[in-house]
Amino acid sequence: MTEDAILHRRADRLARPERADEHQATMGMAGNRWLVVHVSAGHRAAVPVAEIESVLTLVGGDALDPGAPGIVTPLIGAPPYVVGLLPVQGAIVTVLDLARLLGLDPGNADESYALLIPLARGRVAVRVQQVESLLEPVALDPVPAGAATHVTGLVPGIGPLLALRSLVEDPRWVVDLAL
């Protein structure tokens, strides 16, 4: 990519209105609703809003612009489900790809979203392709036998209701990048 193309992309990103604040305001009023997200092409899921601190807009970044708002810095040597690191309110947060955690193809989107999840020790962000809508709780279909423990039910017409905290706190996803 040429320097002019990088500068043009950066200027274009900075000119976009910030949508994270809109999502965060919506989250505060959501109560016990569910957030419907696109995990990957053709796969939607619902997440309890109570598990989400905020929703951040991510943009396709480049190595010449690390640390810019919404740009994830990749981690060399990390497993495929680790997208990278994201600066959030003065802290560095690990970004995990929800599609890869669920064994799905994450696709290739220039713009995606991160659901910021507070944990007992810090926070983690979970990348999704799209944030669709808020949904009032409805009666769930039963979970099929053998379903993962982070699937708490099936939302009719949507897909699984995911317990994100239990998913991201699963010991299988702990990464030690110490040399």
C-alpha atoms as a PDB file:
ATOM      1  CA  MET A   1       0.000   0.000   0.000  1.00  0.00           C
ATOM      2  CA  THR A   2       1.419   3.408  -0.916  1.00  0.00           C
ATOM      3  CA  GLU A   3       1.917   6.200   1.586  1.00  0.00           C
ATOM      4  CA  ASP A   4      -0.813   8.268  -0.132  1.00  0.00           C
ATOM      5  CA  ALA A   5      -3.250   5.356   0.121  1.00  0.00           C
ATOM      6  CA  ILE A   6      -2.472   4.905   3.828  1.00  0.00           C
ATOM      7  CA  LEU A   7      -2.946   8.620   4.512  1.00  0.00           C
ATOM      8  CA  HIS A   8      -6.197   8.658   2.514  1.00  0.00           C
ATOM      9  CA  ARG A   9      -7.509   5.643   4.469  1.00  0.00           C
ATOM     10  CA  ARG A  10      -6.560   7.241   7.767  1.00  0.00           C
ATOM     11  CA  ALA A  11      -8.261  10.539   6.837  1.00  0.00           C
ATOM     12  CA  ASP A  12     -11.375   8.644   5.747  1.00  0.00           C
ATOM     13  CA  ARG A  13     -11.538   6.795   9.081  1.00  0.00           C
ATOM     14  CA  LEU A  14     -11.102   9.967  11.103  1.00  0.00           C
ATOM     15  CA  ALA A  15     -13.898  11.667   9.126  1.00  0.00           C
ATOM     16  CA  ARG A  16     -16.430   8.972  10.088  1.00  0.00           C
ATOM     17  CA  PRO A  17     -18.789   9.801  12.940  1.00  0.00           C
ATOM     18  CA  GLU A  18     -17.965   7.917  16.128  1.00  0.00           C
ATOM     19  CA  ARG A  19     -20.533   5.206  16.665  1.00  0.00           C
ATOM     20  CA  ALA A  20     -19.172   3.628  19.838  1.00  0.00           C
ATOM     21  CA  ASP A  21     -20.762   6.373  21.967  1.00  0.00           C
ATOM     22  CA  GLU A  22     -24.153   5.675  20.395  1.00  0.00           C
ATOM     23  CA  HIS A  23     -23.788   1.963  21.170  1.00  0.00           C
ATOM     24  CA  GLN A  24     -22.654   2.694  24.720  1.00  0.00           C
ATOM     25  CA  ALA A  25     -25.662   4.969  25.359  1.00  0.00           C
ATOM     26  CA  THR A  26     -27.980   2.255  24.061  1.00  0.00           C
ATOM     27  CA  MET A  27     -26.300  -0.349  26.269  1.00  0.00           C
ATOM     28  CA  GLY A  28     -26.970   1.694  29.421  1.00  0.00           C
ATOM     29  CA  MET A  29     -30.716   1.685  28.772  1.00  0.00           C
ATOM     30  CA  ALA A  30     -30.934  -1.956  27.723  1.00  0.00           C
ATOM     31  CA  GLY A  31     -31.739  -3.571  31.093  1.00  0.00           C
ATOM     32  CA  ASN A  32     -31.980  -7.329  30.730  1.00  0.00           C
ATOM     33  CA  ARG A  33     -32.251  -7.368  26.936  1.00  0.00           C
ATOM     34  CA  TRP A  34     -30.129  -9.317  24.499  1.00  0.00           C
ATOM     35  CA  LEU A  35     -27.869  -7.903  21.816  1.00  0.00           C
ATOM     36  CA  VAL A  36     -28.135  -9.661  18.446  1.00  0.00           C
ATOM     37  CA  VAL A  37     -24.785  -9.882  16.641  1.00  0.00           C
ATOM     38  CA  HIS A  38     -23.462 -11.353  13.404  1.00  0.00           C
ATOM     39  CA  VAL A  39     -20.648 -13.706  14.391  1.00  0.00           C
ATOM     40  CA  SER A  40     -19.702 -14.542  10.786  1.00  0.00           C
ATOM     41  CA  ALA A  41     -21.438 -14.838   7.434  1.00  0.00           C
ATOM     42  CA  GLY A  42     -24.761 -16.593   8.000  1.00  0.00           C
ATOM     43  CA  HIS A  43     -24.283 -16.994  11.764  1.00  0.00           C
ATOM     44  CA  ARG A  44     -26.067 -14.805  14.285  1.00  0.00           C
ATOM     45  CA  ALA A  45     -26.174 -15.063  18.060  1.00  0.00           C
ATOM     46  CA  ALA A  46     -27.635 -13.227  21.022  1.00  0.00           C
ATOM     47  CA  VAL A  47     -25.662 -12.023  24.033  1.00  0.00           C
ATOM     48  CA  PRO A  48     -27.070 -10.754  27.349  1.00  0.00           C
ATOM     49  CA  VAL A  49     -26.509  -7.001  27.433  1.00  0.00           C
ATOM     50  CA  ALA A  50     -25.716  -7.279  31.153  1.00  0.00           C
ATOM     51  CA  GLU A  51     -22.410  -8.987  30.177  1.00  0.00           C
ATOM     52  CA  ILE A  52     -21.300  -6.105  27.925  1.00  0.00           C
ATOM     53  CA  GLU A  53     -19.627  -2.932  29.180  1.00  0.00           C
ATOM     54  CA  SER A  54     -19.702  -1.225  25.778  1.00  0.00           C
ATOM     55  CA  VAL A  55     -19.545  -1.795  22.026  1.00  0.00           C
ATOM     56  CA  LEU A  56     -16.592  -0.356  20.130  1.00  0.00           C
ATOM     57  CA  THR A  57     -16.173   0.147  16.400  1.00  0.00           C
ATOM     58  CA  LEU A  58     -13.051  -1.506  14.988  1.00  0.00           C
ATOM     59  CA  VAL A  59     -11.563  -0.491  11.662  1.00  0.00           C
ATOM     60  CA  GLY A  60      -9.039  -2.195   9.410  1.00  0.00           C
ATOM     61  CA  GLY A  61      -5.660  -0.940  10.510  1.00  0.00           C
ATOM     62  CA  ASP A  62      -2.120  -0.988   9.282  1.00  0.00           C
ATOM     63  CA  ALA A  63       1.266  -1.267  10.925  1.00  0.00           C
ATOM     64  CA  LEU A  64       1.939   2.448  10.400  1.00  0.00           C
ATOM     65  CA  ASP A  65      -0.972   3.465  12.612  1.00  0.00           C
ATOM     66  CA  PRO A  66      -0.711   1.349  15.805  1.00  0.00           C
ATOM     67  CA  GLY A  67      -2.593   2.596  18.833  1.00  0.00           C
ATOM     68  CA  ALA A  68      -5.096   4.655  16.827  1.00  0.00           C
ATOM     69  CA  PRO A  69      -8.705   4.432  18.104  1.00  0.00           C
ATOM     70  CA  GLY A  70     -10.418   1.273  16.905  1.00  0.00           C
ATOM     71  CA  ILE A  71      -7.273  -0.218  15.364  1.00  0.00           C
ATOM     72  CA  VAL A  72      -6.193  -3.583  16.719  1.00  0.00           C
ATOM     73  CA  THR A  73      -2.454  -4.267  16.844  1.00  0.00           C
ATOM     74  CA  PRO A  74      -1.806  -7.912  15.866  1.00  0.00           C
ATOM     75  CA  LEU A  75       0.236 -10.180  18.137  1.00  0.00           C
ATOM     76  CA  ILE A  76       2.839 -12.225  16.308  1.00  0.00           C
ATOM     77  CA  GLY A  77       2.853 -15.822  17.502  1.00  0.00           C
ATOM     78  CA  ALA A  78      -0.616 -15.651  19.076  1.00  0.00           C
ATOM     79  CA  PRO A  79      -3.224 -18.335  18.327  1.00  0.00           C
ATOM     80  CA  PRO A  80      -5.666 -17.566  15.479  1.00  0.00           C
ATOM     81  CA  TYR A  81      -8.517 -16.669  17.866  1.00  0.00           C
ATOM     82  CA  VAL A  82      -6.461 -13.769  19.282  1.00  0.00           C
ATOM     83  CA  VAL A  83      -7.035 -10.799  16.975  1.00  0.00           C
ATOM     84  CA  GLY A  84      -4.570  -8.579  18.846  1.00  0.00           C
ATOM     85  CA  LEU A  85      -4.427  -5.718  21.327  1.00  0.00           C
ATOM     86  CA  LEU A  86      -6.657  -2.652  21.471  1.00  0.00           C
ATOM     87  CA  PRO A  87      -6.156   0.529  23.502  1.00  0.00           C
ATOM     88  CA  VAL A  88      -9.351   1.263  25.459  1.00  0.00           C
ATOM     89  CA  GLN A  89      -9.581   4.181  27.890  1.00  0.00           C
ATOM     90  CA  GLY A  90      -5.864   4.091  28.689  1.00  0.00           C
ATOM     91  CA  ALA A  91      -5.670   0.310  29.087  1.00  0.00           C
ATOM     92  CA  ILE A  92      -4.589  -2.409  26.685  1.00  0.00           C
ATOM     93  CA  VAL A  93      -7.291  -5.012  26.056  1.00  0.00           C
ATOM     94  CA  THR A  94      -6.915  -8.375  24.324  1.00  0.00           C
ATOM     95  CA  VAL A  95      -9.316  -8.824  21.398  1.00  0.00           C
ATOM     96  CA  LEU A  96     -10.610 -12.347  20.743  1.00  0.00           C
ATOM     97  CA  ASP A  97     -12.444 -13.357  17.572  1.00  0.00           C
ATOM     98  CA  LEU A  98     -15.856 -14.813  18.484  1.00  0.00           C
ATOM     99  CA  ALA A  99     -16.164 -16.680  15.178  1.00  0.00           C
ATOM    100  CA  ARG A 100     -12.845 -18.478  15.712  1.00  0.00           C
ATOM    101  CA  LEU A 101     -13.709 -19.258  19.352  1.00  0.00           C
ATOM    102  CA  LEU A 102     -16.871 -20.941  18.073  1.00  0.00           C
ATOM    103  CA  GLY A 103     -15.048 -22.796  15.275  1.00  0.00           C
ATOM    104  CA  LEU A 104     -16.513 -20.657  12.465  1.00  0.00           C
ATOM    105  CA  ASP A 105     -14.863 -18.850   9.541  1.00  0.00           C
ATOM    106  CA  PRO A 106     -14.428 -15.223  10.649  1.00  0.00           C
ATOM    107  CA  GLY A 107     -14.611 -13.837   7.122  1.00  0.00           C
ATOM    108  CA  ASN A 108     -12.764 -10.684   6.164  1.00  0.00           C
ATOM    109  CA  ALA A 109     -14.383  -7.401   7.129  1.00  0.00           C
ATOM    110  CA  ASP A 110     -12.631  -4.031   7.036  1.00  0.00           C
ATOM    111  CA  GLU A 111     -14.933  -2.854   9.794  1.00  0.00           C
ATOM    112  CA  SER A 112     -16.215  -4.884  12.720  1.00  0.00           C
ATOM    113  CA  TYR A 113     -17.179  -4.384  16.345  1.00  0.00           C
ATOM    114  CA  ALA A 114     -15.774  -5.341  19.719  1.00  0.00           C
ATOM    115  CA  LEU A 115     -17.970  -6.221  22.670  1.00  0.00           C
ATOM    116  CA  LEU A 116     -16.065  -5.091  25.758  1.00  0.00           C
ATOM    117  CA  ILE A 117     -16.564  -7.675  28.506  1.00  0.00           C
ATOM    118  CA  PRO A 118     -15.619  -6.875  32.134  1.00  0.00           C
ATOM    119  CA  LEU A 119     -14.000  -9.796  33.957  1.00  0.00           C
ATOM    120  CA  ALA A 120     -12.924 -10.366  37.540  1.00  0.00           C
ATOM    121  CA  ARG A 121      -9.378  -9.368  36.498  1.00  0.00           C
ATOM    122  CA  GLY A 122      -9.574  -6.724  33.790  1.00  0.00           C
ATOM    123  CA  ARG A 123     -11.483  -6.719  30.535  1.00  0.00           C
ATOM    124  CA  VAL A 124     -11.442  -8.549  27.225  1.00  0.00           C
ATOM    125  CA  ALA A 125     -12.954  -7.564  23.881  1.00  0.00           C
ATOM    126  CA  VAL A 126     -14.758 -10.024  21.631  1.00  0.00           C
ATOM    127  CA  ARG A 127     -14.863  -9.181  17.919  1.00  0.00           C
ATOM    128  CA  VAL A 128     -18.083  -9.673  15.948  1.00  0.00           C
ATOM    129  CA  GLN A 129     -18.834  -8.735  12.343  1.00  0.00           C
ATOM    130  CA  GLN A 130     -21.924  -6.665  12.999  1.00  0.00           C
ATOM    131  CA  VAL A 131     -24.156  -5.456  15.813  1.00  0.00           C
ATOM    132  CA  GLU A 132     -27.723  -5.871  14.638  1.00  0.00           C
ATOM    133  CA  SER A 133     -30.278  -4.941  17.296  1.00  0.00           C
ATOM    134  CA  LEU A 134     -31.517  -5.150  20.850  1.00  0.00           C
ATOM    135  CA  LEU A 135     -34.036  -7.873  21.579  1.00  0.00           C
ATOM    136  CA  GLU A 136     -36.439  -8.293  24.471  1.00  0.00           C
ATOM    137  CA  PRO A 137     -36.020 -11.700  26.127  1.00  0.00           C
ATOM    138  CA  VAL A 138     -38.236 -14.401  24.659  1.00  0.00           C
ATOM    139  CA  ALA A 139     -38.868 -18.049  25.517  1.00  0.00           C
ATOM    140  CA  LEU A 140     -35.810 -20.053  24.529  1.00  0.00           C
ATOM    141  CA  ASP A 141     -35.762 -23.300  22.632  1.00  0.00           C
ATOM    142  CA  PRO A 142     -33.922 -26.053  24.521  1.00  0.00           C
ATOM    143  CA  VAL A 143     -30.192 -26.487  24.096  1.00  0.00           C
ATOM    144  CA  PRO A 144     -29.371 -29.595  22.050  1.00  0.00           C
ATOM    145  CA  ALA A 145     -27.585 -32.416  23.833  1.00  0.00           C
ATOM    146  CA  GLY A 146     -23.832 -32.026  23.555  1.00  0.00           C
ATOM    147  CA  ALA A 147     -23.941 -28.251  23.044  1.00  0.00           C
ATOM    148  CA  ALA A 148     -21.119 -26.201  24.506  1.00  0.00           C
ATOM    149  CA  THR A 149     -21.548 -24.980  28.083  1.00  0.00           C
ATOM    150  CA  HIS A 150     -21.517 -21.314  26.981  1.00  0.00           C
ATOM    151  CA  VAL A 151     -24.750 -21.835  24.978  1.00  0.00           C
ATOM    152  CA  THR A 152     -27.550 -21.159  27.446  1.00  0.00           C
ATOM    153  CA  GLY A 153     -30.432 -21.589  25.019  1.00  0.00           C
ATOM    154  CA  LEU A 154     -31.541 -21.086  21.428  1.00  0.00           C
ATOM    155  CA  VAL A 155     -33.290 -17.839  20.485  1.00  0.00           C
ATOM    156  CA  PRO A 156     -35.975 -18.676  17.880  1.00  0.00           C
ATOM    157  CA  GLY A 157     -35.080 -17.189  14.493  1.00  0.00           C
ATOM    158  CA  ILE A 158     -31.695 -15.923  15.730  1.00  0.00           C
ATOM    159  CA  GLY A 159     -29.411 -18.682  16.997  1.00  0.00           C
ATOM    160  CA  PRO A 160     -27.638 -19.434  20.266  1.00  0.00           C
ATOM    161  CA  LEU A 161     -27.817 -17.277  23.381  1.00  0.00           C
ATOM    162  CA  LEU A 162     -24.170 -17.074  24.443  1.00  0.00           C
ATOM    163  CA  ALA A 163     -22.756 -16.602  27.929  1.00  0.00           C
ATOM    164  CA  LEU A 164     -19.706 -14.600  26.814  1.00  0.00           C
ATOM    165  CA  ARG A 165     -18.058 -14.407  30.227  1.00  0.00           C
ATOM    166  CA  SER A 166     -17.982 -18.180  30.600  1.00  0.00           C
ATOM    167  CA  LEU A 167     -16.742 -18.509  27.007  1.00  0.00           C
ATOM    168  CA  VAL A 168     -13.804 -16.095  27.347  1.00  0.00           C
ATOM    169  CA  GLU A 169     -12.878 -17.345  30.835  1.00  0.00           C
ATOM    170  CA  ASP A 170     -12.581 -20.926  29.573  1.00  0.00           C
ATOM    171  CA  PRO A 171      -9.028 -22.132  30.367  1.00  0.00           C
ATOM    172  CA  ARG A 172      -8.629 -23.372  26.769  1.00  0.00           C
ATOM    173  CA  TRP A 173      -8.277 -19.756  25.611  1.00  0.00           C
ATOM    174  CA  VAL A 174      -5.550 -18.701  28.057  1.00  0.00           C
ATOM    175  CA  VAL A 175      -2.514 -17.550  26.092  1.00  0.00           C
ATOM    176  CA  ASP A 176       1.022 -17.402  27.478  1.00  0.00           C
ATOM    177  CA  LEU A 177       3.255 -15.453  25.107  1.00  0.00           C
ATOM    178  CA  ALA A 178       6.214 -15.350  27.502  1.00  0.00           C
ATOM    179  CA  LEU A 179       9.531 -16.056  25.843  1.00  0.00           C
END
